[in-house]
Amino acid sequence: MQKQQKFVEVKAGIDDADVLIRKMDLEARSLQPSVKAVLLAKLREYKSDLNQLKREFKRVTSPNANQASREELLESGNADVHSASAEHRERMAMSVERLNESSDRIMESRRTILETEELGISILQDLHQQRETLLHSHNKLHGVDDAIDKSKKVLTAMSRRMTKHKWIIGSVIGALIFVIFLILYFKLFHS
């Protein structure tokens, strides 16, 4: 009963590992090429280990595995039943140990993926904040451009008025000089 429960747990762990590796593969393919190559190489290793574990698990749990062990015992005739059973236990222990190691590697990979995902989220948040800052700056610059345009118009209007006033003052001064000249002329020649 306990053996059957262990098999169920191991099978669930293998299935979880398979799903995780697929997710890691999708995640790795969406990253930048420099990071992507390293992660895909690691994933190939994980896939290879998982496939090996699947084969080993299938061999250990197949109905023929027990039958093959019995036949080995019966064929050996003189073989010691106890040593064959110990050998079988040793193989099972090695298989369980390999499964545990693979589970540890899968958990480590899961942790790495979560860290990568958190880093990606953080980068996206930073980029969003920078985008907002740039948009805000762009709006401010647009406002400054509008203010500069208005200032140019005001300065141009003031310059025109000043030029107009200069002409008027110049004309008045010219007229005054002319009037003074006429007055002096009449005083000098008619007195």
N, C-alpha and C. Protein backbone atom coordinates (compact mmCIF):
# COMPACT_ATOMS: atom_id res chain seq x y z
N MET A 1 0.83 -1.20 0.00
CA MET A 1 0.00 0.00 0.00
C MET A 1 0.87 1.26 0.00
N GLN A 2 1.89 1.28 0.86
CA GLN A 2 2.79 2.43 0.94
C GLN A 2 3.57 2.57 -0.37
N LYS A 3 3.95 1.42 -0.96
CA LYS A 3 4.68 1.42 -2.23
C LYS A 3 3.80 2.04 -3.32
N GLN A 4 2.55 1.65 -3.35
CA GLN A 4 1.62 2.19 -4.35
C GLN A 4 1.46 3.70 -4.18
N GLN A 5 1.38 4.16 -2.94
CA GLN A 5 1.25 5.59 -2.67
C GLN A 5 2.50 6.35 -3.15
N LYS A 6 3.67 5.74 -2.93
CA LYS A 6 4.92 6.35 -3.39
C LYS A 6 4.91 6.48 -4.92
N PHE A 7 4.43 5.42 -5.59
CA PHE A 7 4.36 5.45 -7.05
C PHE A 7 3.45 6.58 -7.52
N VAL A 8 2.32 6.75 -6.84
CA VAL A 8 1.38 7.81 -7.20
C VAL A 8 2.03 9.18 -7.00
N GLU A 9 2.74 9.34 -5.88
CA GLU A 9 3.43 10.61 -5.61
C GLU A 9 4.49 10.90 -6.66
N VAL A 10 5.26 9.85 -6.99
CA VAL A 10 6.33 10.03 -7.99
C VAL A 10 5.72 10.38 -9.35
N LYS A 11 4.64 9.70 -9.72
CA LYS A 11 3.96 9.96 -11.00
C LYS A 11 3.46 11.41 -11.03
N ALA A 12 2.87 11.88 -9.92
CA ALA A 12 2.38 13.27 -9.85
C ALA A 12 3.55 14.24 -9.97
N GLY A 13 4.66 13.91 -9.32
CA GLY A 13 5.86 14.76 -9.41
C GLY A 13 6.40 14.83 -10.84
N ILE A 14 6.39 13.69 -11.53
CA ILE A 14 6.87 13.67 -12.92
C ILE A 14 5.94 14.50 -13.81
N ASP A 15 4.64 14.35 -13.59
CA ASP A 15 3.68 15.14 -14.38
C ASP A 15 3.87 16.64 -14.12
N ASP A 16 4.04 17.01 -12.84
CA ASP A 16 4.28 18.42 -12.50
C ASP A 16 5.56 18.92 -13.17
N ALA A 17 6.59 18.09 -13.14
CA ALA A 17 7.86 18.47 -13.75
C ALA A 17 7.69 18.68 -15.24
N ASP A 18 6.92 17.81 -15.88
CA ASP A 18 6.68 17.93 -17.31
C ASP A 18 5.99 19.26 -17.63
N VAL A 19 4.97 19.60 -16.85
CA VAL A 19 4.25 20.87 -17.05
C VAL A 19 5.19 22.05 -16.81
N LEU A 20 5.98 21.98 -15.75
CA LEU A 20 6.91 23.07 -15.44
C LEU A 20 7.94 23.27 -16.55
N ILE A 21 8.45 22.18 -17.08
CA ILE A 21 9.45 22.29 -18.15
C ILE A 21 8.83 22.94 -19.38
N ARG A 22 7.58 22.57 -19.68
CA ARG A 22 6.91 23.20 -20.83
C ARG A 22 6.75 24.71 -20.59
N LYS A 23 6.34 25.08 -19.37
CA LYS A 23 6.18 26.50 -19.06
C LYS A 23 7.52 27.23 -19.14
N MET A 24 8.57 26.58 -18.60
CA MET A 24 9.90 27.19 -18.64
C MET A 24 10.34 27.39 -20.09
N ASP A 25 10.03 26.41 -20.94
CA ASP A 25 10.40 26.48 -22.34
C ASP A 25 9.73 27.68 -23.00
N LEU A 26 8.44 27.85 -22.76
CA LEU A 26 7.71 28.99 -23.33
C LEU A 26 8.28 30.31 -22.80
N GLU A 27 8.54 30.35 -21.51
CA GLU A 27 9.07 31.57 -20.89
C GLU A 27 10.45 31.90 -21.46
N ALA A 28 11.31 30.87 -21.58
CA ALA A 28 12.68 31.08 -22.07
C ALA A 28 12.67 31.58 -23.51
N ARG A 29 11.76 31.08 -24.33
CA ARG A 29 11.71 31.48 -25.74
C ARG A 29 11.28 32.94 -25.91
N SER A 30 10.66 33.52 -24.90
CA SER A 30 10.20 34.90 -25.01
C SER A 30 11.24 35.90 -24.49
N LEU A 31 12.38 35.40 -24.02
CA LEU A 31 13.40 36.30 -23.45
C LEU A 31 14.38 36.75 -24.52
N GLN A 32 15.30 37.63 -24.12
CA GLN A 32 16.32 38.14 -25.04
C GLN A 32 17.25 37.00 -25.46
N PRO A 33 17.82 37.06 -26.68
CA PRO A 33 18.64 35.96 -27.20
C PRO A 33 19.80 35.56 -26.30
N SER A 34 20.44 36.51 -25.64
CA SER A 34 21.60 36.16 -24.81
C SER A 34 21.20 35.26 -23.64
N VAL A 35 20.08 35.57 -23.00
CA VAL A 35 19.58 34.78 -21.87
C VAL A 35 18.90 33.51 -22.37
N LYS A 36 18.22 33.65 -23.49
CA LYS A 36 17.43 32.56 -24.07
C LYS A 36 18.30 31.32 -24.34
N ALA A 37 19.48 31.51 -24.94
CA ALA A 37 20.34 30.39 -25.31
C ALA A 37 20.76 29.59 -24.08
N VAL A 38 21.14 30.28 -23.03
CA VAL A 38 21.58 29.60 -21.80
C VAL A 38 20.44 28.81 -21.18
N LEU A 39 19.27 29.45 -21.08
CA LEU A 39 18.12 28.78 -20.46
C LEU A 39 17.64 27.59 -21.29
N LEU A 40 17.66 27.71 -22.61
CA LEU A 40 17.22 26.59 -23.45
C LEU A 40 18.18 25.40 -23.33
N ALA A 41 19.48 25.68 -23.18
CA ALA A 41 20.45 24.60 -22.98
C ALA A 41 20.15 23.87 -21.66
N LYS A 42 19.88 24.65 -20.60
CA LYS A 42 19.52 24.04 -19.31
C LYS A 42 18.25 23.21 -19.45
N LEU A 43 17.28 23.75 -20.17
CA LEU A 43 16.00 23.05 -20.34
C LEU A 43 16.19 21.72 -21.07
N ARG A 44 17.11 21.69 -22.04
CA ARG A 44 17.38 20.42 -22.74
C ARG A 44 17.90 19.38 -21.76
N GLU A 45 18.76 19.84 -20.83
CA GLU A 45 19.26 18.91 -19.81
C GLU A 45 18.11 18.40 -18.95
N TYR A 46 17.25 19.32 -18.53
CA TYR A 46 16.12 18.93 -17.69
C TYR A 46 15.20 17.96 -18.42
N LYS A 47 14.95 18.24 -19.70
CA LYS A 47 14.09 17.35 -20.48
C LYS A 47 14.70 15.96 -20.59
N SER A 48 16.00 15.93 -20.82
CA SER A 48 16.69 14.64 -20.92
C SER A 48 16.60 13.87 -19.61
N ASP A 49 16.85 14.57 -18.50
CA ASP A 49 16.75 13.92 -17.18
C ASP A 49 15.33 13.42 -16.93
N LEU A 50 14.35 14.26 -17.28
CA LEU A 50 12.96 13.88 -17.04
C LEU A 50 12.57 12.68 -17.90
N ASN A 51 13.01 12.66 -19.15
CA ASN A 51 12.70 11.51 -20.01
C ASN A 51 13.33 10.23 -19.47
N GLN A 52 14.54 10.36 -18.95
CA GLN A 52 15.20 9.21 -18.35
C GLN A 52 14.42 8.73 -17.12
N LEU A 53 13.97 9.69 -16.32
CA LEU A 53 13.15 9.33 -15.15
C LEU A 53 11.85 8.67 -15.55
N LYS A 54 11.23 9.18 -16.60
CA LYS A 54 9.98 8.58 -17.07
C LYS A 54 10.21 7.12 -17.48
N ARG A 55 11.30 6.89 -18.22
CA ARG A 55 11.60 5.51 -18.65
C ARG A 55 11.84 4.60 -17.46
N GLU A 56 12.63 5.13 -16.50
CA GLU A 56 12.94 4.34 -15.31
C GLU A 56 11.68 4.06 -14.50
N PHE A 57 10.84 5.07 -14.36
CA PHE A 57 9.59 4.91 -13.61
C PHE A 57 8.68 3.90 -14.30
N LYS A 58 8.62 3.99 -15.63
CA LYS A 58 7.79 3.06 -16.40
C LYS A 58 8.30 1.64 -16.24
N ARG A 59 9.63 1.51 -16.27
CA ARG A 59 10.22 0.17 -16.12
C ARG A 59 9.92 -0.40 -14.74
N VAL A 60 10.05 0.45 -13.72
CA VAL A 60 9.85 -0.01 -12.34
C VAL A 60 8.39 -0.32 -12.07
N THR A 61 7.49 0.49 -12.63
CA THR A 61 6.07 0.33 -12.29
C THR A 61 5.30 -0.56 -13.26
N SER A 62 5.93 -0.97 -14.35
CA SER A 62 5.18 -1.79 -15.32
C SER A 62 4.85 -3.14 -14.70
N PRO A 63 3.69 -3.70 -15.11
CA PRO A 63 3.30 -5.01 -14.55
C PRO A 63 4.33 -6.08 -14.89
N ASN A 64 5.04 -5.90 -15.98
CA ASN A 64 6.04 -6.88 -16.38
C ASN A 64 7.29 -6.82 -15.52
N ALA A 65 7.48 -5.68 -14.80
CA ALA A 65 8.67 -5.55 -13.97
C ALA A 65 8.66 -6.59 -12.86
N ASN A 66 7.52 -6.73 -12.19
CA ASN A 66 7.42 -7.74 -11.13
C ASN A 66 7.54 -9.15 -11.72
N GLN A 67 6.90 -9.32 -12.87
CA GLN A 67 6.94 -10.64 -13.52
C GLN A 67 8.38 -10.97 -13.92
N ALA A 68 9.07 -9.99 -14.48
CA ALA A 68 10.46 -10.21 -14.91
C ALA A 68 11.33 -10.54 -13.70
N SER A 69 11.08 -9.87 -12.57
CA SER A 69 11.86 -10.15 -11.36
C SER A 69 11.61 -11.57 -10.88
N ARG A 70 10.34 -12.00 -10.92
CA ARG A 70 10.02 -13.38 -10.50
C ARG A 70 10.68 -14.40 -11.40
N GLU A 71 10.63 -14.13 -12.72
CA GLU A 71 11.24 -15.07 -13.67
C GLU A 71 12.73 -15.16 -13.45
N GLU A 72 13.37 -14.01 -13.16
CA GLU A 72 14.80 -14.02 -12.88
C GLU A 72 15.10 -14.92 -11.67
N LEU A 73 14.26 -14.79 -10.66
CA LEU A 73 14.46 -15.59 -9.46
C LEU A 73 14.28 -17.09 -9.76
N LEU A 74 13.24 -17.42 -10.51
CA LEU A 74 12.98 -18.82 -10.82
C LEU A 74 14.04 -19.40 -11.73
N GLU A 75 14.54 -18.63 -12.70
CA GLU A 75 15.55 -19.12 -13.62
C GLU A 75 16.88 -19.34 -12.93
N SER A 76 17.18 -18.52 -11.99
CA SER A 76 18.49 -18.64 -11.35
C SER A 76 18.59 -19.92 -10.52
N GLY A 77 17.47 -20.46 -10.12
CA GLY A 77 17.45 -21.74 -9.40
C GLY A 77 18.23 -21.71 -8.12
N ASN A 78 19.50 -21.62 -8.19
CA ASN A 78 20.35 -21.64 -7.02
C ASN A 78 20.52 -20.25 -6.41
N ALA A 79 19.95 -19.26 -7.07
CA ALA A 79 20.14 -17.88 -6.58
C ALA A 79 19.50 -17.71 -5.22
N ASP A 80 20.10 -16.92 -4.47
CA ASP A 80 19.60 -16.63 -3.14
C ASP A 80 18.45 -15.64 -3.25
N VAL A 81 17.26 -16.03 -2.79
CA VAL A 81 16.07 -15.19 -2.87
C VAL A 81 16.28 -13.87 -2.14
N HIS A 82 16.95 -13.93 -1.03
CA HIS A 82 17.17 -12.74 -0.23
C HIS A 82 18.06 -11.73 -0.96
N SER A 83 19.14 -12.23 -1.62
CA SER A 83 20.03 -11.31 -2.32
C SER A 83 19.33 -10.70 -3.54
N ALA A 84 18.47 -11.48 -4.22
CA ALA A 84 17.72 -10.94 -5.37
C ALA A 84 16.76 -9.86 -4.89
N SER A 85 16.11 -10.08 -3.76
CA SER A 85 15.19 -9.10 -3.22
C SER A 85 15.95 -7.83 -2.80
N ALA A 86 17.13 -8.05 -2.21
CA ALA A 86 17.95 -6.90 -1.81
C ALA A 86 18.41 -6.12 -3.04
N GLU A 87 18.72 -6.85 -4.09
CA GLU A 87 19.13 -6.19 -5.34
C GLU A 87 17.98 -5.36 -5.90
N HIS A 88 16.78 -5.94 -5.85
CA HIS A 88 15.59 -5.23 -6.33
C HIS A 88 15.35 -3.97 -5.49
N ARG A 89 15.50 -4.11 -4.16
CA ARG A 89 15.33 -2.97 -3.27
C ARG A 89 16.38 -1.90 -3.56
N GLU A 90 17.58 -2.35 -3.83
CA GLU A 90 18.67 -1.41 -4.11
C GLU A 90 18.37 -0.62 -5.40
N ARG A 91 17.88 -1.35 -6.44
CA ARG A 91 17.52 -0.66 -7.68
C ARG A 91 16.38 0.33 -7.45
N MET A 92 15.41 -0.10 -6.65
CA MET A 92 14.29 0.80 -6.34
C MET A 92 14.80 2.03 -5.58
N ALA A 93 15.68 1.82 -4.61
CA ALA A 93 16.23 2.94 -3.84
C ALA A 93 16.98 3.91 -4.75
N MET A 94 17.75 3.34 -5.70
CA MET A 94 18.48 4.19 -6.65
C MET A 94 17.51 4.98 -7.51
N SER A 95 16.43 4.31 -7.94
CA SER A 95 15.43 4.99 -8.77
C SER A 95 14.77 6.12 -7.99
N VAL A 96 14.42 5.83 -6.73
CA VAL A 96 13.79 6.85 -5.89
C VAL A 96 14.77 8.01 -5.66
N GLU A 97 16.04 7.66 -5.45
CA GLU A 97 17.05 8.70 -5.23
C GLU A 97 17.18 9.58 -6.48
N ARG A 98 17.19 8.95 -7.67
CA ARG A 98 17.26 9.73 -8.90
C ARG A 98 16.02 10.61 -9.06
N LEU A 99 14.86 10.05 -8.72
CA LEU A 99 13.64 10.85 -8.79
C LEU A 99 13.70 12.04 -7.84
N ASN A 100 14.22 11.81 -6.64
CA ASN A 100 14.35 12.91 -5.67
C ASN A 100 15.31 13.99 -6.17
N GLU A 101 16.43 13.54 -6.77
CA GLU A 101 17.38 14.51 -7.32
C GLU A 101 16.74 15.32 -8.42
N SER A 102 15.99 14.63 -9.28
CA SER A 102 15.32 15.34 -10.37
C SER A 102 14.27 16.29 -9.82
N SER A 103 13.56 15.87 -8.79
CA SER A 103 12.57 16.76 -8.16
C SER A 103 13.26 18.00 -7.61
N ASP A 104 14.41 17.81 -6.98
CA ASP A 104 15.16 18.96 -6.46
C ASP A 104 15.57 19.90 -7.60
N ARG A 105 16.03 19.31 -8.72
CA ARG A 105 16.42 20.15 -9.85
C ARG A 105 15.22 20.89 -10.42
N ILE A 106 14.11 20.20 -10.47
CA ILE A 106 12.89 20.83 -10.98
C ILE A 106 12.46 21.96 -10.06
N MET A 107 12.54 21.74 -8.76
CA MET A 107 12.18 22.80 -7.82
C MET A 107 13.12 23.99 -7.97
N GLU A 108 14.40 23.71 -8.17
CA GLU A 108 15.38 24.78 -8.38
C GLU A 108 15.05 25.55 -9.67
N SER A 109 14.67 24.80 -10.70
CA SER A 109 14.28 25.45 -11.97
C SER A 109 13.04 26.30 -11.77
N ARG A 110 12.10 25.78 -11.02
CA ARG A 110 10.86 26.53 -10.74
C ARG A 110 11.21 27.83 -10.00
N ARG A 111 12.11 27.73 -9.03
CA ARG A 111 12.54 28.91 -8.27
C ARG A 111 13.20 29.92 -9.22
N THR A 112 14.05 29.41 -10.13
CA THR A 112 14.73 30.29 -11.09
C THR A 112 13.72 30.98 -11.99
N ILE A 113 12.72 30.23 -12.45
CA ILE A 113 11.69 30.81 -13.31
C ILE A 113 10.91 31.88 -12.56
N LEU A 114 10.57 31.61 -11.31
CA LEU A 114 9.83 32.60 -10.52
C LEU A 114 10.66 33.87 -10.34
N GLU A 115 11.96 33.68 -10.07
CA GLU A 115 12.83 34.85 -9.92
C GLU A 115 12.91 35.62 -11.23
N THR A 116 13.02 34.89 -12.36
CA THR A 116 13.08 35.52 -13.67
C THR A 116 11.78 36.26 -13.95
N GLU A 117 10.67 35.65 -13.58
CA GLU A 117 9.37 36.29 -13.80
C GLU A 117 9.26 37.56 -12.96
N GLU A 118 9.70 37.49 -11.70
CA GLU A 118 9.67 38.68 -10.84
C GLU A 118 10.54 39.79 -11.42
N LEU A 119 11.72 39.40 -11.92
CA LEU A 119 12.62 40.38 -12.52
C LEU A 119 11.97 41.01 -13.75
N GLY A 120 11.31 40.18 -14.57
CA GLY A 120 10.62 40.69 -15.75
C GLY A 120 9.52 41.66 -15.38
N ILE A 121 8.75 41.32 -14.34
CA ILE A 121 7.68 42.21 -13.89
C ILE A 121 8.25 43.53 -13.40
N SER A 122 9.35 43.44 -12.65
CA SER A 122 10.00 44.66 -12.15
C SER A 122 10.48 45.54 -13.30
N ILE A 123 11.08 44.91 -14.31
CA ILE A 123 11.56 45.66 -15.47
C ILE A 123 10.39 46.32 -16.20
N LEU A 124 9.30 45.57 -16.36
CA LEU A 124 8.13 46.13 -17.03
C LEU A 124 7.56 47.32 -16.25
N GLN A 125 7.54 47.22 -14.92
CA GLN A 125 7.06 48.33 -14.11
C GLN A 125 7.96 49.55 -14.27
N ASP A 126 9.28 49.31 -14.27
CA ASP A 126 10.22 50.42 -14.46
C ASP A 126 10.02 51.08 -15.82
N LEU A 127 9.85 50.25 -16.85
CA LEU A 127 9.64 50.79 -18.19
C LEU A 127 8.34 51.58 -18.26
N HIS A 128 7.31 51.10 -17.57
CA HIS A 128 6.03 51.82 -17.55
C HIS A 128 6.20 53.18 -16.89
N GLN A 129 6.92 53.21 -15.75
CA GLN A 129 7.16 54.48 -15.06
C GLN A 129 7.96 55.44 -15.94
N GLN A 130 8.97 54.90 -16.63
CA GLN A 130 9.78 55.75 -17.50
C GLN A 130 8.94 56.29 -18.66
N ARG A 131 8.05 55.46 -19.17
CA ARG A 131 7.17 55.90 -20.26
C ARG A 131 6.28 57.04 -19.77
N GLU A 132 5.71 56.86 -18.55
CA GLU A 132 4.86 57.92 -17.99
C GLU A 132 5.65 59.21 -17.81
N THR A 133 6.89 59.08 -17.33
CA THR A 133 7.75 60.26 -17.14
C THR A 133 8.01 60.95 -18.47
N LEU A 134 8.31 60.14 -19.50
CA LEU A 134 8.57 60.71 -20.82
C LEU A 134 7.33 61.40 -21.39
N LEU A 135 6.17 60.78 -21.22
CA LEU A 135 4.94 61.41 -21.70
C LEU A 135 4.67 62.72 -20.98
N HIS A 136 4.89 62.72 -19.65
CA HIS A 136 4.71 63.94 -18.86
C HIS A 136 5.67 65.04 -19.34
N SER A 137 6.93 64.65 -19.57
CA SER A 137 7.93 65.62 -20.05
C SER A 137 7.55 66.14 -21.43
N HIS A 138 7.05 65.24 -22.27
CA HIS A 138 6.64 65.65 -23.61
C HIS A 138 5.50 66.67 -23.53
N ASN A 139 4.54 66.41 -22.66
CA ASN A 139 3.43 67.36 -22.50
C ASN A 139 3.92 68.71 -21.99
N LYS A 140 4.86 68.69 -21.03
CA LYS A 140 5.41 69.94 -20.53
C LYS A 140 6.13 70.70 -21.64
N LEU A 141 6.92 69.98 -22.44
CA LEU A 141 7.65 70.63 -23.54
C LEU A 141 6.69 71.22 -24.56
N HIS A 142 5.60 70.51 -24.80
CA HIS A 142 4.59 71.02 -25.73
C HIS A 142 4.00 72.33 -25.19
N GLY A 143 3.74 72.37 -23.88
CA GLY A 143 3.24 73.59 -23.24
C GLY A 143 4.25 74.71 -23.33
N VAL A 144 5.53 74.38 -23.13
CA VAL A 144 6.59 75.39 -23.22
C VAL A 144 6.67 75.92 -24.65
N ASP A 145 6.56 75.01 -25.64
CA ASP A 145 6.58 75.45 -27.04
C ASP A 145 5.45 76.43 -27.31
N ASP A 146 4.26 76.13 -26.80
CA ASP A 146 3.12 77.03 -26.99
C ASP A 146 3.40 78.40 -26.35
N ALA A 147 3.97 78.39 -25.14
CA ALA A 147 4.27 79.65 -24.45
C ALA A 147 5.32 80.44 -25.23
N ILE A 148 6.30 79.75 -25.79
CA ILE A 148 7.34 80.44 -26.58
C ILE A 148 6.72 81.06 -27.83
N ASP A 149 5.83 80.32 -28.48
CA ASP A 149 5.15 80.86 -29.67
C ASP A 149 4.37 82.13 -29.32
N LYS A 150 3.64 82.07 -28.20
CA LYS A 150 2.87 83.25 -27.77
C LYS A 150 3.80 84.41 -27.47
N SER A 151 4.91 84.12 -26.79
CA SER A 151 5.88 85.18 -26.45
C SER A 151 6.46 85.81 -27.72
N LYS A 152 6.74 84.97 -28.73
CA LYS A 152 7.27 85.50 -29.99
C LYS A 152 6.26 86.45 -30.63
N LYS A 153 4.99 86.05 -30.61
CA LYS A 153 3.94 86.90 -31.19
C LYS A 153 3.86 88.24 -30.45
N VAL A 154 3.90 88.19 -29.12
CA VAL A 154 3.83 89.43 -28.32
C VAL A 154 5.03 90.31 -28.62
N LEU A 155 6.24 89.70 -28.66
CA LEU A 155 7.45 90.49 -28.93
C LEU A 155 7.41 91.09 -30.33
N THR A 156 6.90 90.33 -31.30
CA THR A 156 6.80 90.86 -32.67
C THR A 156 5.85 92.04 -32.70
N ALA A 157 4.69 91.92 -32.02
CA ALA A 157 3.72 93.02 -31.97
C ALA A 157 4.34 94.24 -31.29
N MET A 158 5.07 94.03 -30.19
CA MET A 158 5.71 95.14 -29.49
C MET A 158 6.75 95.81 -30.38
N SER A 159 7.49 95.02 -31.11
CA SER A 159 8.52 95.56 -32.01
C SER A 159 7.88 96.42 -33.10
N ARG A 160 6.74 95.96 -33.64
CA ARG A 160 6.04 96.75 -34.66
C ARG A 160 5.56 98.09 -34.09
N ARG A 161 5.00 98.00 -32.87
CA ARG A 161 4.51 99.24 -32.23
C ARG A 161 5.65 100.22 -31.99
N MET A 162 6.80 99.67 -31.52
CA MET A 162 7.95 100.54 -31.26
C MET A 162 8.42 101.21 -32.56
N THR A 163 8.46 100.42 -33.62
CA THR A 163 8.88 100.98 -34.91
C THR A 163 7.89 102.07 -35.34
N LYS A 164 6.61 101.79 -35.19
CA LYS A 164 5.56 102.74 -35.55
C LYS A 164 5.72 104.03 -34.73
N HIS A 165 5.94 103.87 -33.40
CA HIS A 165 6.12 105.03 -32.53
C HIS A 165 7.37 105.83 -32.90
N LYS A 166 8.43 105.14 -33.29
CA LYS A 166 9.65 105.84 -33.71
C LYS A 166 9.36 106.71 -34.93
N TRP A 167 8.60 106.16 -35.87
CA TRP A 167 8.27 106.94 -37.07
C TRP A 167 7.40 108.15 -36.72
N ILE A 168 6.45 107.91 -35.83
CA ILE A 168 5.59 109.03 -35.44
C ILE A 168 6.41 110.11 -34.74
N ILE A 169 7.28 109.71 -33.79
CA ILE A 169 8.11 110.68 -33.06
C ILE A 169 9.05 111.39 -34.03
N GLY A 170 9.61 110.62 -34.94
CA GLY A 170 10.51 111.21 -35.94
C GLY A 170 9.77 112.22 -36.80
N SER A 171 8.54 111.86 -37.18
CA SER A 171 7.74 112.79 -38.00
C SER A 171 7.42 114.05 -37.22
N VAL A 172 7.03 113.91 -35.94
CA VAL A 172 6.71 115.06 -35.09
C VAL A 172 7.94 115.96 -34.95
N ILE A 173 9.09 115.35 -34.67
CA ILE A 173 10.33 116.13 -34.51
C ILE A 173 10.65 116.84 -35.82
N GLY A 174 10.50 116.12 -36.93
CA GLY A 174 10.75 116.75 -38.25
C GLY A 174 9.82 117.93 -38.48
N ALA A 175 8.55 117.73 -38.12
CA ALA A 175 7.58 118.81 -38.31
C ALA A 175 7.92 120.00 -37.42
N LEU A 176 8.33 119.74 -36.18
CA LEU A 176 8.70 120.82 -35.26
C LEU A 176 9.92 121.58 -35.77
N ILE A 177 10.89 120.83 -36.26
CA ILE A 177 12.08 121.49 -36.80
C ILE A 177 11.70 122.36 -38.00
N PHE A 178 10.82 121.82 -38.82
CA PHE A 178 10.37 122.58 -39.99
C PHE A 178 9.64 123.86 -39.56
N VAL A 179 8.75 123.73 -38.55
CA VAL A 179 8.00 124.89 -38.05
C VAL A 179 8.97 125.91 -37.46
N ILE A 180 9.94 125.43 -36.65
CA ILE A 180 10.92 126.35 -36.04
C ILE A 180 11.73 127.04 -37.15
N PHE A 181 12.10 126.27 -38.14
CA PHE A 181 12.85 126.83 -39.25
C PHE A 181 12.03 127.92 -39.95
N LEU A 182 10.74 127.68 -40.17
CA LEU A 182 9.87 128.66 -40.83
C LEU A 182 9.74 129.92 -39.96
N ILE A 183 9.58 129.70 -38.65
CA ILE A 183 9.43 130.86 -37.75
C ILE A 183 10.71 131.69 -37.80
N LEU A 184 11.84 131.06 -37.73
CA LEU A 184 13.11 131.78 -37.78
C LEU A 184 13.27 132.50 -39.13
N TYR A 185 12.86 131.88 -40.15
CA TYR A 185 12.98 132.43 -41.48
C TYR A 185 12.12 133.71 -41.59
N PHE A 186 10.88 133.62 -41.10
CA PHE A 186 10.00 134.77 -41.17
C PHE A 186 10.52 135.90 -40.27
N LYS A 187 11.07 135.56 -39.14
CA LYS A 187 11.57 136.59 -38.22
C LYS A 187 12.80 137.28 -38.81
N LEU A 188 13.63 136.54 -39.41
CA LEU A 188 14.86 137.11 -39.94
C LEU A 188 14.59 137.97 -41.21
N PHE A 189 13.76 137.46 -42.05
CA PHE A 189 13.56 138.16 -43.32
C PHE A 189 12.40 139.14 -43.30
N HIS A 190 11.56 139.10 -42.39
CA HIS A 190 10.40 140.02 -42.40
C HIS A 190 10.48 141.01 -41.25
N SER A 191 11.48 141.00 -40.48
CA SER A 191 11.52 142.00 -39.44
C SER A 191 12.33 143.19 -39.81
